Every structure is written in structure tokens, then in C-alpha cells.
C-alpha atoms as a PDB file:
ATOM      1  CA  MET A   1      83.186-128.944   4.492  1.00  0.00           C
ATOM      2  CA  SER A   2      86.432-127.630   5.654  1.00  0.00           C
ATOM      3  CA  ASP A   3      87.925-124.173   5.040  1.00  0.00           C
ATOM      4  CA  GLN A   4      90.318-125.646   2.522  1.00  0.00           C
ATOM      5  CA  GLU A   5      87.690-127.365   0.561  1.00  0.00           C
ATOM      6  CA  LYS A   6      85.672-124.111   0.184  1.00  0.00           C
ATOM      7  CA  ASP A   7      88.934-122.180  -0.993  1.00  0.00           C
ATOM      8  CA  THR A   8      89.597-124.774  -3.850  1.00  0.00           C
ATOM      9  CA  LYS A   9      86.251-124.569  -5.449  1.00  0.00           C
ATOM     10  CA  GLY A  10      86.619-121.098  -6.570  1.00  0.00           C
ATOM     11  CA  PRO A  11      87.058-117.479  -5.367  1.00  0.00           C
ATOM     12  CA  VAL A  12      85.227-116.290  -2.629  1.00  0.00           C
ATOM     13  CA  PHE A  13      83.537-112.838  -2.846  1.00  0.00           C
ATOM     14  CA  ARG A  14      82.914-111.025   0.272  1.00  0.00           C
ATOM     15  CA  THR A  15      80.812-107.834   0.724  1.00  0.00           C
ATOM     16  CA  ALA A  16      81.454-104.986   3.059  1.00  0.00           C
ATOM     17  CA  VAL A  17      78.877-106.339   5.559  1.00  0.00           C
ATOM     18  CA  ASP A  18      81.091-109.465   5.947  1.00  0.00           C
ATOM     19  CA  HIS A  19      83.828-107.290   7.166  1.00  0.00           C
ATOM     20  CA  MET A  20      82.042-104.921   9.518  1.00  0.00           C
ATOM     21  CA  PRO A  21      82.217-105.818  13.319  1.00  0.00           C
ATOM     22  CA  PRO A  22      79.024-106.677  14.949  1.00  0.00           C
ATOM     23  CA  GLU A  23      77.178-103.873  16.411  1.00  0.00           C
ATOM     24  CA  PRO A  24      77.379-103.760  20.132  1.00  0.00           C
ATOM     25  CA  GLU A  25      74.192-104.353  21.996  1.00  0.00           C
ATOM     26  CA  THR A  26      73.340-101.251  23.890  1.00  0.00           C
ATOM     27  CA  GLU A  27      70.451-100.857  26.313  1.00  0.00           C
ATOM     28  CA  GLU A  28      68.802 -97.503  26.206  1.00  0.00           C
ATOM     29  CA  LYS A  29      69.043 -95.696  29.685  1.00  0.00           C
ATOM     30  CA  PRO A  30      65.635 -94.841  31.004  1.00  0.00           C
ATOM     31  CA  ARG A  31      65.290 -90.994  31.039  1.00  0.00           C
ATOM     32  CA  ARG A  32      65.269 -89.383  34.333  1.00  0.00           C
ATOM     33  CA  ARG A  33      62.095 -87.953  35.769  1.00  0.00           C
ATOM     34  CA  PHE A  34      62.191 -84.243  36.576  1.00  0.00           C
ATOM     35  CA  GLU A  35      61.449 -85.003  40.094  1.00  0.00           C
ATOM     36  CA  ASP A  36      64.563 -87.083  40.438  1.00  0.00           C
ATOM     37  CA  LEU A  37      66.912 -84.452  39.223  1.00  0.00           C
ATOM     38  CA  PRO A  38      68.757 -82.393  41.679  1.00  0.00           C
ATOM     39  CA  PRO A  39      67.290 -79.164  42.830  1.00  0.00           C
ATOM     40  CA  ALA A  40      69.955 -77.221  40.781  1.00  0.00           C
ATOM     41  CA  ALA A  41      69.210 -79.001  37.593  1.00  0.00           C
ATOM     42  CA  GLN A  42      65.476 -78.533  38.164  1.00  0.00           C
ATOM     43  CA  ARG A  43      65.979 -74.713  38.406  1.00  0.00           C
ATOM     44  CA  ALA A  44      68.104 -74.634  35.373  1.00  0.00           C
ATOM     45  CA  LEU A  45      65.407 -76.436  33.291  1.00  0.00           C
ATOM     46  CA  LEU A  46      62.701 -74.067  34.609  1.00  0.00           C
ATOM     47  CA  GLU A  47      64.865 -70.930  33.752  1.00  0.00           C
ATOM     48  CA  ALA A  48      65.615 -72.318  30.237  1.00  0.00           C
ATOM     49  CA  GLU A  49      61.779 -72.824  29.828  1.00  0.00           C
ATOM     50  CA  GLU A  50      61.043 -69.258  31.044  1.00  0.00           C
ATOM     51  CA  ARG A  51      63.679 -67.811  28.558  1.00  0.00           C
ATOM     52  CA  ARG A  52      62.249 -69.963  25.568  1.00  0.00           C
ATOM     53  CA  LYS A  53      58.597 -68.491  26.458  1.00  0.00           C
ATOM     54  CA  GLU A  54      60.133 -64.952  26.475  1.00  0.00           C
ATOM     55  CA  ARG A  55      61.721 -65.453  23.205  1.00  0.00           C
ATOM     56  CA  ASP A  56      58.701 -66.850  21.696  1.00  0.00           C
ATOM     57  CA  ALA A  57      56.668 -63.923  23.136  1.00  0.00           C
ATOM     58  CA  LEU A  58      59.090 -61.544  21.379  1.00  0.00           C
ATOM     59  CA  LYS A  59      58.876 -63.270  18.030  1.00  0.00           C
ATOM     60  CA  VAL A  60      55.021 -63.235  18.157  1.00  0.00           C
ATOM     61  CA  SER A  61      55.212 -59.349  18.852  1.00  0.00           C
ATOM     62  CA  ALA A  62      57.635 -58.989  15.992  1.00  0.00           C
ATOM     63  CA  ASP A  63      55.109 -60.557  13.664  1.00  0.00           C
ATOM     64  CA  ARG A  64      52.612 -57.797  14.282  1.00  0.00           C
ATOM     65  CA  PRO A  65      51.872 -55.443  11.501  1.00  0.00           C
ATOM     66  CA  ALA A  66      53.863 -52.197  11.149  1.00  0.00           C
ATOM     67  CA  GLU A  67      52.721 -49.046  12.799  1.00  0.00           C
ATOM     68  CA  VAL A  68      50.543 -46.797  10.656  1.00  0.00           C
ATOM     69  CA  GLY A  69      51.754 -43.399  10.141  1.00  0.00           C
ATOM     70  CA  GLY A  70      54.683 -43.976  12.566  1.00  0.00           C
ATOM     71  CA  ARG A  71      58.334 -42.733  12.387  1.00  0.00           C
ATOM     72  CA  GLY A  72      59.751 -45.665  10.527  1.00  0.00           C
ATOM     73  CA  GLY A  73      63.284 -46.877  10.856  1.00  0.00           C
ATOM     74  CA  LEU A  74      65.142 -47.819  13.980  1.00  0.00           C
ATOM     75  CA  ASP A  75      64.024 -46.868  17.448  1.00  0.00           C
ATOM     76  CA  PRO A  76      65.865 -43.467  18.110  1.00  0.00           C
ATOM     77  CA  SER A  77      66.081 -43.984  21.940  1.00  0.00           C
ATOM     78  CA  ARG A  78      67.872 -47.015  21.317  1.00  0.00           C
ATOM     79  CA  TYR A  79      70.080 -46.175  18.590  1.00  0.00           C
ATOM     80  CA  GLU A  80      70.567 -42.583  19.115  1.00  0.00           C
ATOM     81  CA  ASP A  81      69.275 -41.737  15.697  1.00  0.00           C
ATOM     82  CA  TYR A  82      67.066 -38.587  15.854  1.00  0.00           C
ATOM     83  CA  GLU A  83      67.512 -37.491  12.468  1.00  0.00           C
ATOM     84  CA  ILE A  84      65.513 -38.308   9.492  1.00  0.00           C
ATOM     85  CA  GLY A  85      66.442 -36.645   6.118  1.00  0.00           C
ATOM     86  CA  GLY A  86      68.464 -34.101   7.648  1.00  0.00           C
ATOM     87  CA  ARG A  87      65.831 -32.912  10.027  1.00  0.00           C
ATOM     88  CA  ALA A  88      66.068 -33.631  13.866  1.00  0.00           C
ATOM     89  CA  ILE A  89      63.175 -35.589  14.956  1.00  0.00           C
ATOM     90  CA  ASP A  90      61.952 -35.393  18.495  1.00  0.00           C
ATOM     91  CA  PHE A  91      59.769 -38.479  19.164  1.00  0.00           C
END
């Protein structure tokens, strides 16, 4: 059948899929091995891993229970807050 014969038989309904361009075929690039990276990149990755471990260790220490009978509030040596309820507190 030619295109003209198809058009004369009735309306042609098209969906959005008919108008979409074909997806380009992409090949996934293989990931580089750690040993194949330049030395600067290896150092950067190792440093980032160390920072993540430190951050996770701090998070674990923050999950500890509160001090029993402690001062409470912010650390005075860090925030220069040596006063509780109007009284000077020497920690």
C-alpha cells in the first residue's frame, strides 16, 4: 500500500511514542580500576575515605548516652559560656 492509500482510508492517530526520536545506543564505559588511576586521584580517594571514616566515628560518638550528673549544655571551653543560671561555673 502506498502512503496515499493509507491516508484516504481514514484518519491516522499517532501516539507520542511515534513522534519520539529513537534512543541513541550508548555503550557503558568500563569503570577504571583503582590501580589504573593517576597517583593524585588515588591519594584523593584515600583521603576522602579517611574523612568519611572520621565523620562516621563522630556520628557514633554522638549517639552515646548523655553524661550522668554532668554540667549539661554546650561545652564552655568551646563556646566561652562559663555561666549557668547566673553563677560562674569553673569546669
